[in-house]
Amino acid sequence: MAEPSEQSRPCARCAKLERRVAELEARLQQVQARYEACLSKLQARVAELEGLLLEATRAAKRQAAPFSRNQPKTHPKKPGRPVGHPAAHRPAPTPAEITETIAVPLDCCPSCGGPLEDLQTHEQIVTDLPEVRPTVRRYVTHSGHCPRCNRRVRSRHPDQTSDASGAAGNQLGPNALALAADMKHRLGLSYGKIVELFGTHYHLHTCPGSLARAGQRLARLGQRTYRFLVTLLRHSPVVHGDETGWRIAARSAWLWVFTNRAVTLYVIRADRSQAVIREMLGGQFAGVLVSDCFLAYDPIDVDKQKCLGHLLKDLSAVEALKSRGAVRFSRAAADILRDAIALKRRRKQLRAHGYAVACGKIEARMDRLLAGRYADPDNRRLAQRMIKHREHLFTFLYHQAVEPTNNAAERALRPAVISRKLSAGNRSPTGALAHSILASLCQTARQNGCDFLHAAKALLQHRDPDYLAPILPTWAPACALAGR
């Protein structure tokens, strides 16, 4: 066998390099194996932490009142009335309101039984609730055929909430149904808790299904009043709008609120689009729409006022994260907005010309601030938002009835948010419609000083779809139209 030539033999240096490459490849494979093992452990840990975070977030959302501030106030206001404010006491009953006088004699010392001297008389008035027992009435009605109308007619008492008879003839009266509607749609109690309350304290036994169906009947009777409130809202000089998440049969929905000083309307829809705003305001709305900077309000072609409270909160958050020159924009913008709010408060103290000059200075300061260039991304983002809504920042300075914030809508949303946390929304579109109508009637009656129980009882007694519930005083329509 011929020996290999020197040209075909691998040199010692190449062989050494090949061994070194093989050694490095083996070490690389080991490192890659360790890296993949560590990566899989980290990914499993991240998935575990994400699951814990999601569960914690869901638990926090299930809480009834997680209304805590991001940062507590450094100098919180003391509870109670301020110093010098007149005290508030429960009004004492008049002598005509006292139903019973009970004398409690003291003939001797209760400790030793000895005689007493210097006897004095003391008086205390105790107001208590009586034990409530339901009133059960049996109504005997009559029916007959009218040959002139060619239909069968039937007598009915005003306190009858239904014409049902036979197996369905055991009905609840208007007082009980009105109270149940108030507890459900204003106080946020579930039908189950209302049933428990009725049975425990009122000795009135019913079931959640009966109250739910009765609430839907009451809502149908209140549709005429609801449409009337929509008409009042469309002719109002100011409307505050806001929205929050809702659920209908475990599906995502949105609860919208539109309110002013005389009317509050709730509407539940499956979307969060501008179509809901156009539906509620109509095509002839000539007032000012106060809202936050949500995109759905932008296409609405009306005068607007953007909530300065939201902007001030965002500016404060950015200022807390920045330092040195990066805080100048947020501080300057917040100062201008606060000066504008203070100017509106002093409007009655200034003459018309002086107030107009002060408004012009506020506008000029904001224009100069937004004309600058900002390298910081957070400042640039806020500046772009304020530039986008520039013409809607100071509308409140020129309209007496317009407020600089959207607090009115946020206050109107609080009962709905509490109800959502307790009941998780509605189980059906019919229930959502009933809640929209009855919650609107409850809140409107409350803000106008009217009795919703009286209004609901009147709806149940009249049972006329065209009947207008008395939830507005005589001056309320004029108030809504004039903006006072």
Protein backbone atom coordinates (compact mmCIF):
# COMPACT_ATOMS: atom_id res chain seq x y z
CA MET A 1 0.00 0.00 0.00
CA ALA A 2 1.41 3.35 -1.02
CA GLU A 3 2.12 5.81 1.75
CA PRO A 4 0.22 9.11 1.61
CA SER A 5 2.11 12.00 0.20
CA GLU A 6 3.07 14.94 2.34
CA GLN A 7 0.52 17.15 0.47
CA SER A 8 -2.42 14.86 1.49
CA ARG A 9 -1.37 14.75 5.16
CA PRO A 10 -3.20 17.33 7.38
CA CYS A 11 -0.81 19.65 9.03
CA ALA A 12 -0.55 19.64 12.80
CA ARG A 13 -1.89 23.19 13.08
CA CYS A 14 -5.08 22.36 11.12
CA ALA A 15 -5.67 19.27 13.22
CA LYS A 16 -5.30 21.34 16.36
CA LEU A 17 -7.76 23.91 15.05
CA GLU A 18 -10.27 21.22 14.17
CA ARG A 19 -10.05 19.75 17.67
CA ARG A 20 -10.48 23.23 19.12
CA VAL A 21 -13.56 23.88 16.96
CA ALA A 22 -15.10 20.57 18.02
CA GLU A 23 -14.40 21.40 21.66
CA LEU A 24 -16.02 24.84 21.32
CA GLU A 25 -19.05 23.39 19.55
CA ALA A 26 -19.53 20.92 22.38
CA ARG A 27 -19.28 23.70 24.96
CA LEU A 28 -21.72 25.82 22.93
CA GLN A 29 -24.22 23.00 22.91
CA GLN A 30 -23.93 22.71 26.68
CA VAL A 31 -24.46 26.47 27.11
CA GLN A 32 -27.45 26.40 24.79
CA ALA A 33 -28.95 23.51 26.74
CA ARG A 34 -28.52 25.40 30.03
CA TYR A 35 -29.94 28.57 28.43
CA GLU A 36 -33.02 26.76 27.15
CA ALA A 37 -33.58 25.16 30.57
CA CYS A 38 -33.32 28.55 32.31
CA LEU A 39 -35.55 30.15 29.68
CA SER A 40 -38.25 27.54 30.15
CA LYS A 41 -38.12 28.05 33.93
CA LEU A 42 -38.38 31.83 33.52
CA GLN A 43 -41.26 31.52 31.08
CA ALA A 44 -43.10 29.23 33.51
CA ARG A 45 -42.48 31.72 36.32
CA VAL A 46 -43.71 34.63 34.18
CA ALA A 47 -46.86 32.71 33.29
CA GLU A 48 -47.41 31.95 36.99
CA LEU A 49 -46.96 35.62 37.96
CA GLU A 50 -49.25 36.79 35.15
CA GLY A 51 -51.91 34.40 36.40
CA LEU A 52 -51.56 35.72 39.95
CA LEU A 53 -51.72 39.31 38.68
CA LEU A 54 -54.83 38.58 36.63
CA GLU A 55 -56.50 36.93 39.61
CA ALA A 56 -55.56 39.86 41.85
CA THR A 57 -56.93 42.30 39.27
CA ARG A 58 -60.19 40.38 39.03
CA ALA A 59 -60.45 40.25 42.81
CA ALA A 60 -59.88 43.99 43.04
CA LYS A 61 -62.58 44.63 40.46
CA ARG A 62 -64.99 42.48 42.44
CA GLN A 63 -64.61 44.67 45.49
CA ALA A 64 -67.60 46.83 46.26
CA ALA A 65 -65.65 50.02 46.88
CA PRO A 66 -61.97 50.09 45.83
CA PHE A 67 -62.20 53.85 45.66
CA SER A 68 -58.68 54.71 46.89
CA ARG A 69 -56.41 57.46 45.68
CA ASN A 70 -53.05 56.71 44.09
CA GLN A 71 -51.44 58.98 46.65
CA PRO A 72 -53.13 60.02 49.90
CA LYS A 73 -53.53 63.70 50.59
CA THR A 74 -50.70 65.25 52.59
CA HIS A 75 -53.12 67.40 54.57
CA PRO A 76 -56.52 65.66 54.54
CA LYS A 77 -59.53 67.65 55.62
CA LYS A 78 -60.82 66.83 59.07
CA PRO A 79 -64.18 65.04 59.19
CA GLY A 80 -67.22 66.98 60.22
CA ARG A 81 -68.30 70.55 59.68
CA PRO A 82 -65.70 73.34 59.65
CA VAL A 83 -65.13 75.57 62.67
CA GLY A 84 -67.80 78.23 62.99
CA HIS A 85 -70.36 76.40 60.88
CA PRO A 86 -73.78 76.14 62.56
CA ALA A 87 -74.50 72.74 64.03
CA ALA A 88 -76.84 70.35 62.27
CA HIS A 89 -79.43 68.51 64.35
CA ARG A 90 -82.28 66.24 63.48
CA PRO A 91 -85.42 68.37 63.50
CA ALA A 92 -87.43 67.96 66.69
CA PRO A 93 -91.05 66.84 66.24
CA THR A 94 -93.80 69.33 66.84
CA PRO A 95 -96.30 68.76 69.67
CA ALA A 96 -98.88 67.68 67.10
CA GLU A 97 -96.51 64.95 65.85
CA ILE A 98 -96.08 63.36 69.29
CA THR A 99 -98.36 60.34 69.30
CA GLU A 100 -97.91 59.18 72.87
CA THR A 101 -96.64 60.52 76.21
CA ILE A 102 -95.33 58.01 78.76
CA ALA A 103 -94.67 59.01 82.37
CA VAL A 104 -91.84 57.18 84.14
CA PRO A 105 -92.29 57.79 87.91
CA LEU A 106 -89.49 57.69 90.45
CA ASP A 107 -90.95 57.05 93.97
CA CYS A 108 -87.74 56.09 95.73
CA CYS A 109 -84.04 55.60 95.23
CA PRO A 110 -83.55 52.59 92.91
CA SER A 111 -80.35 51.65 94.76
CA CYS A 112 -81.31 51.73 98.45
CA GLY A 113 -85.05 52.37 98.36
CA GLY A 114 -84.77 55.58 100.39
CA PRO A 115 -86.98 58.67 99.95
CA LEU A 116 -86.00 61.33 97.39
CA GLU A 117 -85.78 65.10 97.68
CA ASP A 118 -85.61 67.94 95.16
CA LEU A 119 -87.47 65.99 92.47
CA GLN A 120 -87.05 67.37 88.93
CA THR A 121 -88.77 66.54 85.66
CA HIS A 122 -86.87 65.72 82.49
CA GLU A 123 -88.12 65.21 78.95
CA GLN A 124 -86.80 63.09 76.12
CA ILE A 125 -88.38 62.50 72.73
CA VAL A 126 -87.78 59.13 71.06
CA THR A 127 -88.72 58.62 67.41
CA ASP A 128 -88.89 54.99 66.38
CA LEU A 129 -90.24 52.86 63.58
CA PRO A 130 -93.35 50.77 64.25
CA GLU A 131 -93.53 47.10 63.45
CA VAL A 132 -94.75 46.86 59.90
CA ARG A 133 -97.38 44.34 58.97
CA PRO A 134 -98.63 44.05 55.39
CA THR A 135 -102.17 45.03 54.58
CA VAL A 136 -103.94 42.26 52.68
CA ARG A 137 -107.03 43.32 50.74
CA ARG A 138 -109.34 41.18 48.61
CA TYR A 139 -110.81 43.00 45.64
CA VAL A 140 -114.01 41.60 44.14
CA THR A 141 -114.32 42.96 40.62
CA HIS A 142 -116.96 42.50 37.97
CA SER A 143 -116.83 42.10 34.22
CA GLY A 144 -119.41 42.24 31.48
CA HIS A 145 -119.86 42.53 27.73
CA CYS A 146 -120.64 45.93 26.24
CA PRO A 147 -122.73 45.54 23.06
CA ARG A 148 -121.99 49.13 22.06
CA CYS A 149 -118.17 48.71 22.25
CA ASN A 150 -118.41 45.01 21.36
CA ARG A 151 -115.83 44.10 23.99
CA ARG A 152 -115.71 42.79 27.51
CA VAL A 153 -114.98 45.36 30.22
CA ARG A 154 -114.00 44.94 33.84
CA SER A 155 -114.03 47.06 36.98
CA ARG A 156 -110.72 47.93 38.61
CA HIS A 157 -109.61 49.60 41.83
CA PRO A 158 -106.69 52.12 41.60
CA ASP A 159 -104.56 50.05 44.00
CA GLN A 160 -104.74 47.00 41.76
CA THR A 161 -101.45 46.68 39.87
CA SER A 162 -102.68 43.88 37.61
CA ASP A 163 -105.91 42.44 36.20
CA ALA A 164 -104.68 38.88 36.73
CA SER A 165 -106.97 36.46 38.51
CA GLY A 166 -107.08 32.79 39.31
CA ALA A 167 -103.65 31.26 39.96
CA ALA A 168 -101.98 34.60 39.19
CA GLY A 169 -104.40 36.62 41.27
CA ASN A 170 -102.04 36.97 44.25
CA GLN A 171 -100.34 40.30 43.45
CA LEU A 172 -98.19 42.86 45.26
CA GLY A 173 -99.58 46.36 45.77
CA PRO A 174 -98.19 49.62 44.39
CA ASN A 175 -96.45 50.63 47.64
CA ALA A 176 -94.45 47.39 47.81
CA LEU A 177 -93.55 47.44 44.11
CA ALA A 178 -92.51 51.10 44.21
CA LEU A 179 -90.29 50.47 47.24
CA ALA A 180 -88.72 47.43 45.57
CA ALA A 181 -87.95 49.48 42.43
CA ASP A 182 -86.35 52.23 44.51
CA MET A 183 -84.20 49.73 46.42
CA LYS A 184 -83.11 48.00 43.23
CA HIS A 185 -82.44 50.84 40.83
CA ARG A 186 -81.40 53.65 43.18
CA LEU A 187 -79.92 51.93 46.23
CA GLY A 188 -78.39 49.04 44.28
CA LEU A 189 -79.86 46.13 46.28
CA SER A 190 -80.34 42.83 44.52
CA TYR A 191 -83.79 41.30 44.22
CA GLY A 192 -82.67 38.51 46.54
CA LYS A 193 -81.77 40.97 49.30
CA ILE A 194 -85.02 42.87 48.77
CA VAL A 195 -86.97 39.64 49.17
CA GLU A 196 -85.06 38.91 52.38
CA LEU A 197 -85.69 42.42 53.68
CA PHE A 198 -89.39 42.26 52.90
CA GLY A 199 -89.75 38.91 54.60
CA THR A 200 -87.69 39.78 57.70
CA HIS A 201 -88.86 43.30 58.50
CA TYR A 202 -92.17 43.69 56.67
CA HIS A 203 -93.49 40.10 56.96
CA LEU A 204 -94.15 40.25 53.22
CA HIS A 205 -93.15 37.05 51.42
CA THR A 206 -92.38 37.07 47.70
CA CYS A 207 -89.67 35.87 45.30
CA PRO A 208 -87.02 37.60 43.13
CA GLY A 209 -88.75 36.61 39.91
CA SER A 210 -91.97 38.36 40.88
CA LEU A 211 -90.11 41.58 41.68
CA ALA A 212 -88.13 41.39 38.42
CA ARG A 213 -91.27 40.99 36.30
CA ALA A 214 -93.03 43.75 38.23
CA GLY A 215 -90.03 46.03 37.63
CA GLN A 216 -90.22 45.38 33.90
CA ARG A 217 -93.93 46.23 33.90
CA LEU A 218 -93.16 49.46 35.77
CA ALA A 219 -90.44 50.29 33.25
CA ARG A 220 -92.88 49.85 30.35
CA LEU A 221 -95.26 52.25 32.07
CA GLY A 222 -92.38 54.73 32.50
CA GLN A 223 -91.27 54.76 28.86
CA ARG A 224 -93.37 57.85 28.11
CA THR A 225 -91.71 59.72 30.96
CA TYR A 226 -88.28 58.52 29.80
CA ARG A 227 -88.89 59.85 26.28
CA PHE A 228 -90.01 63.16 27.78
CA LEU A 229 -86.72 63.37 29.69
CA VAL A 230 -84.86 62.75 26.43
CA THR A 231 -86.72 65.69 24.89
CA LEU A 232 -85.79 67.90 27.84
CA LEU A 233 -82.17 66.84 27.55
CA ARG A 234 -82.03 67.68 23.84
CA HIS A 235 -83.29 71.21 24.55
CA SER A 236 -80.92 71.81 27.47
CA PRO A 237 -78.09 74.36 27.23
CA VAL A 238 -75.60 71.96 28.91
CA VAL A 239 -75.26 68.18 28.92
CA HIS A 240 -72.58 66.18 30.76
CA GLY A 241 -71.76 62.79 29.26
CA ASP A 242 -69.73 59.82 30.47
CA GLU A 243 -69.72 56.03 30.23
CA THR A 244 -68.61 52.95 32.14
CA GLY A 245 -68.38 49.24 31.52
CA TRP A 246 -71.46 47.05 31.94
CA ARG A 247 -72.56 43.45 31.42
CA ILE A 248 -75.61 41.97 29.71
CA ALA A 249 -75.83 38.20 30.09
CA ALA A 250 -72.07 38.08 30.84
CA ARG A 251 -71.29 39.94 27.60
CA SER A 252 -69.52 43.28 27.49
CA ALA A 253 -71.68 46.37 27.19
CA TRP A 254 -71.56 50.04 28.18
CA LEU A 255 -73.70 52.16 30.44
CA TRP A 256 -73.87 55.80 29.32
CA VAL A 257 -75.06 58.71 31.41
CA PHE A 258 -76.22 62.11 30.15
CA THR A 259 -77.08 64.61 32.84
CA ASN A 260 -77.53 68.24 33.79
CA ARG A 261 -79.07 70.02 36.76
CA ALA A 262 -82.63 68.89 36.00
CA VAL A 263 -82.38 65.59 34.09
CA THR A 264 -80.32 62.42 34.36
CA LEU A 265 -80.61 59.71 31.71
CA TYR A 266 -78.99 56.28 31.64
CA VAL A 267 -78.78 54.17 28.52
CA ILE A 268 -77.17 50.73 28.13
CA ARG A 269 -75.79 49.74 24.75
CA ALA A 270 -73.52 47.01 23.42
CA ASP A 271 -71.05 49.48 21.91
CA ARG A 272 -69.13 52.58 22.93
CA SER A 273 -69.45 54.48 19.66
CA GLN A 274 -70.59 57.96 18.70
CA ALA A 275 -73.94 56.52 17.59
CA VAL A 276 -75.12 56.41 21.21
CA ILE A 277 -74.31 60.10 21.68
CA ARG A 278 -76.11 61.06 18.48
CA GLU A 279 -79.11 58.94 19.50
CA MET A 280 -79.48 60.70 22.84
CA LEU A 281 -78.71 64.28 21.76
CA GLY A 282 -80.56 64.13 18.47
CA GLY A 283 -79.80 66.30 15.48
CA GLN A 284 -81.02 69.63 16.87
CA PHE A 285 -78.96 69.87 20.06
CA ALA A 286 -77.65 73.43 20.36
CA GLY A 287 -76.09 73.31 23.83
CA VAL A 288 -72.62 72.52 25.15
CA LEU A 289 -71.50 68.92 25.59
CA VAL A 290 -69.14 68.43 28.56
CA SER A 291 -67.07 65.25 28.46
CA ASP A 292 -63.60 63.78 28.77
CA CYS A 293 -61.26 63.35 25.80
CA PHE A 294 -62.67 60.00 24.66
CA LEU A 295 -62.62 59.70 20.85
CA ALA A 296 -66.35 58.98 20.47
CA TYR A 297 -67.19 62.59 21.41
CA ASP A 298 -64.92 64.15 18.76
CA PRO A 299 -67.17 63.71 15.67
CA ILE A 300 -70.18 65.28 17.42
CA ASP A 301 -70.59 68.69 15.79
CA VAL A 302 -71.65 70.76 18.81
CA ASP A 303 -69.96 73.14 21.21
CA LYS A 304 -67.86 71.14 23.66
CA GLN A 305 -66.08 71.57 26.95
CA LYS A 306 -63.38 69.06 27.79
CA CYS A 307 -63.00 68.09 31.42
CA LEU A 308 -60.14 70.09 32.92
CA GLY A 309 -60.14 67.79 35.94
CA HIS A 310 -58.87 64.90 33.81
CA LEU A 311 -56.20 67.10 32.24
CA LEU A 312 -55.03 68.40 35.61
CA LYS A 313 -54.79 64.85 36.92
CA ASP A 314 -52.68 63.76 33.92
CA LEU A 315 -50.47 66.84 34.21
CA SER A 316 -49.88 66.16 37.91
CA ALA A 317 -48.98 62.53 37.14
CA VAL A 318 -46.42 63.60 34.54
CA GLU A 319 -44.98 66.28 36.82
CA ALA A 320 -44.43 63.70 39.56
CA LEU A 321 -42.31 61.56 37.19
CA LYS A 322 -40.14 64.32 35.71
CA SER A 323 -37.33 66.49 36.96
CA ARG A 324 -35.51 69.68 35.98
CA GLY A 325 -36.66 71.18 32.70
CA ALA A 326 -39.07 68.33 31.91
CA VAL A 327 -41.53 69.59 34.55
CA ARG A 328 -41.90 73.07 33.08
CA PHE A 329 -44.63 72.22 30.58
CA SER A 330 -46.87 70.30 33.01
CA ARG A 331 -46.52 73.01 35.66
CA ALA A 332 -47.18 75.84 33.24
CA ALA A 333 -50.20 74.11 31.68
CA ALA A 334 -51.66 73.28 35.11
CA ASP A 335 -51.20 76.89 36.25
CA ILE A 336 -53.09 78.18 33.21
CA LEU A 337 -55.99 75.76 33.73
CA ARG A 338 -56.24 76.58 37.44
CA ASP A 339 -56.13 80.31 36.70
CA ALA A 340 -58.98 79.85 34.22
CA ILE A 341 -61.08 78.01 36.81
CA ALA A 342 -60.37 80.73 39.38
CA LEU A 343 -61.31 83.41 36.85
CA LYS A 344 -64.69 81.75 36.25
CA ARG A 345 -65.36 81.83 39.99
CA ARG A 346 -64.64 85.57 40.09
CA ARG A 347 -66.81 86.36 37.09
CA LYS A 348 -69.52 88.12 39.09
CA GLN A 349 -66.92 90.32 40.77
CA LEU A 350 -65.54 91.70 37.49
CA ARG A 351 -66.98 94.01 34.91
CA ALA A 352 -67.72 92.67 31.45
CA HIS A 353 -64.74 94.38 29.84
CA GLY A 354 -62.32 93.30 32.58
CA TYR A 355 -63.55 89.73 32.40
CA ALA A 356 -63.15 89.66 28.62
CA VAL A 357 -59.58 90.98 28.89
CA ALA A 358 -58.73 88.35 31.51
CA CYS A 359 -60.16 85.62 29.27
CA GLY A 360 -58.04 86.87 26.38
CA LYS A 361 -54.91 86.69 28.52
CA ILE A 362 -55.70 83.10 29.49
CA GLU A 363 -56.17 82.16 25.84
CA ALA A 364 -52.91 83.86 24.83
CA ARG A 365 -50.91 82.13 27.56
CA MET A 366 -52.19 78.74 26.44
CA ASP A 367 -51.43 79.49 22.78
CA ARG A 368 -47.85 80.50 23.60
CA LEU A 369 -47.35 77.38 25.69
CA LEU A 370 -48.67 75.00 23.02
CA ALA A 371 -46.60 76.69 20.30
CA GLY A 372 -43.37 75.35 21.82
CA ARG A 373 -41.53 72.16 21.00
CA TYR A 374 -41.11 69.47 23.63
CA ALA A 375 -38.53 66.71 23.45
CA ASP A 376 -39.89 64.72 26.36
CA PRO A 377 -42.36 62.13 24.99
CA ASP A 378 -44.86 62.46 27.87
CA ASN A 379 -44.93 66.25 27.60
CA ARG A 380 -45.25 66.00 23.83
CA ARG A 381 -48.15 63.57 24.18
CA LEU A 382 -50.03 65.89 26.54
CA ALA A 383 -49.27 68.90 24.37
CA GLN A 384 -50.64 67.14 21.30
CA ARG A 385 -53.82 66.23 23.18
CA MET A 386 -54.32 69.81 24.32
CA ILE A 387 -53.64 71.10 20.80
CA LYS A 388 -56.24 68.69 19.44
CA HIS A 389 -58.87 69.95 21.91
CA ARG A 390 -57.62 73.52 22.06
CA GLU A 391 -60.91 75.16 21.07
CA HIS A 392 -62.78 73.14 23.73
CA LEU A 393 -60.59 73.94 26.74
CA PHE A 394 -62.10 77.28 27.78
CA THR A 395 -65.70 77.09 26.57
CA PHE A 396 -66.82 77.34 30.20
CA LEU A 397 -65.41 80.89 30.42
CA TYR A 398 -68.02 82.16 27.95
CA HIS A 399 -71.10 80.18 29.10
CA GLN A 400 -72.49 80.78 32.55
CA ALA A 401 -74.09 77.34 32.89
CA VAL A 402 -71.03 75.37 31.73
CA GLU A 403 -68.65 73.94 34.32
CA PRO A 404 -64.91 73.36 33.72
CA THR A 405 -65.07 69.71 34.83
CA ASN A 406 -67.24 66.69 34.13
CA ASN A 407 -67.86 65.98 37.80
CA ALA A 408 -71.64 66.01 37.32
CA ALA A 409 -71.51 62.96 35.01
CA GLU A 410 -69.03 61.15 37.23
CA ARG A 411 -71.25 61.68 40.28
CA ALA A 412 -74.22 60.34 38.31
CA LEU A 413 -72.20 57.24 37.39
CA ARG A 414 -71.36 56.30 40.98
CA PRO A 415 -74.72 54.62 41.77
CA ALA A 416 -74.46 52.66 38.52
CA VAL A 417 -70.90 51.55 39.32
CA ILE A 418 -71.94 50.36 42.78
CA SER A 419 -74.92 48.52 41.29
CA ARG A 420 -72.64 46.87 38.71
CA LYS A 421 -70.22 45.68 41.37
CA LEU A 422 -73.04 44.18 43.41
CA SER A 423 -75.13 42.66 40.61
CA ALA A 424 -72.59 42.29 37.75
CA GLY A 425 -74.95 44.02 35.32
CA ASN A 426 -78.13 42.58 33.82
CA ARG A 427 -79.08 39.09 32.71
CA SER A 428 -81.04 40.11 29.63
CA PRO A 429 -81.58 43.08 27.29
CA THR A 430 -85.07 43.45 28.79
CA GLY A 431 -83.56 43.84 32.25
CA ALA A 432 -81.01 46.34 30.92
CA LEU A 433 -83.79 48.45 29.38
CA ALA A 434 -85.78 48.35 32.62
CA HIS A 435 -82.74 49.42 34.62
CA SER A 436 -82.05 52.30 32.20
CA ILE A 437 -85.59 53.64 32.51
CA LEU A 438 -86.14 53.17 36.25
CA ALA A 439 -82.66 54.37 37.25
CA SER A 440 -83.21 57.49 35.13
CA LEU A 441 -86.55 58.17 36.79
CA CYS A 442 -85.07 57.56 40.27
CA GLN A 443 -82.11 59.88 39.79
CA THR A 444 -84.12 62.63 38.07
CA ALA A 445 -86.75 62.59 40.82
CA ARG A 446 -84.04 62.72 43.49
CA GLN A 447 -82.18 65.68 42.02
CA ASN A 448 -85.43 67.62 41.64
CA GLY A 449 -86.59 66.95 45.20
CA CYS A 450 -89.51 64.75 44.12
CA ASP A 451 -90.62 61.45 45.63
CA PHE A 452 -89.90 58.52 43.33
CA LEU A 453 -92.09 56.23 45.42
CA HIS A 454 -95.05 58.51 44.81
CA ALA A 455 -94.24 58.67 41.09
CA ALA A 456 -93.87 54.89 40.75
CA LYS A 457 -97.11 54.33 42.65
CA ALA A 458 -98.88 56.77 40.33
CA LEU A 459 -97.58 54.88 37.28
CA LEU A 460 -98.84 51.58 38.66
CA GLN A 461 -102.22 53.01 39.58
CA HIS A 462 -102.86 54.75 36.24
CA ARG A 463 -101.44 51.92 34.11
CA ASP A 464 -101.58 54.24 31.12
CA PRO A 465 -98.59 54.13 28.71
CA ASP A 466 -99.14 57.82 27.95
CA TYR A 467 -99.15 58.88 31.60
CA LEU A 468 -96.30 61.22 32.62
CA ALA A 469 -94.84 60.39 36.02
CA PRO A 470 -94.64 63.32 38.48
CA ILE A 471 -90.86 63.31 38.91
CA LEU A 472 -90.39 66.94 37.84
CA PRO A 473 -91.74 69.94 39.75
CA THR A 474 -93.62 72.61 37.84
CA TRP A 475 -90.46 74.68 37.37
CA ALA A 476 -88.22 71.81 36.22
CA PRO A 477 -88.98 71.93 32.46
CA ALA A 478 -88.34 75.65 32.39
CA CYS A 479 -85.21 75.07 34.49
CA ALA A 480 -83.89 72.50 32.04
CA LEU A 481 -84.56 74.76 29.07
CA ALA A 482 -83.10 77.88 30.70
CA GLY A 483 -80.11 76.14 32.26
CA ARG A 484 -80.67 77.39 35.81
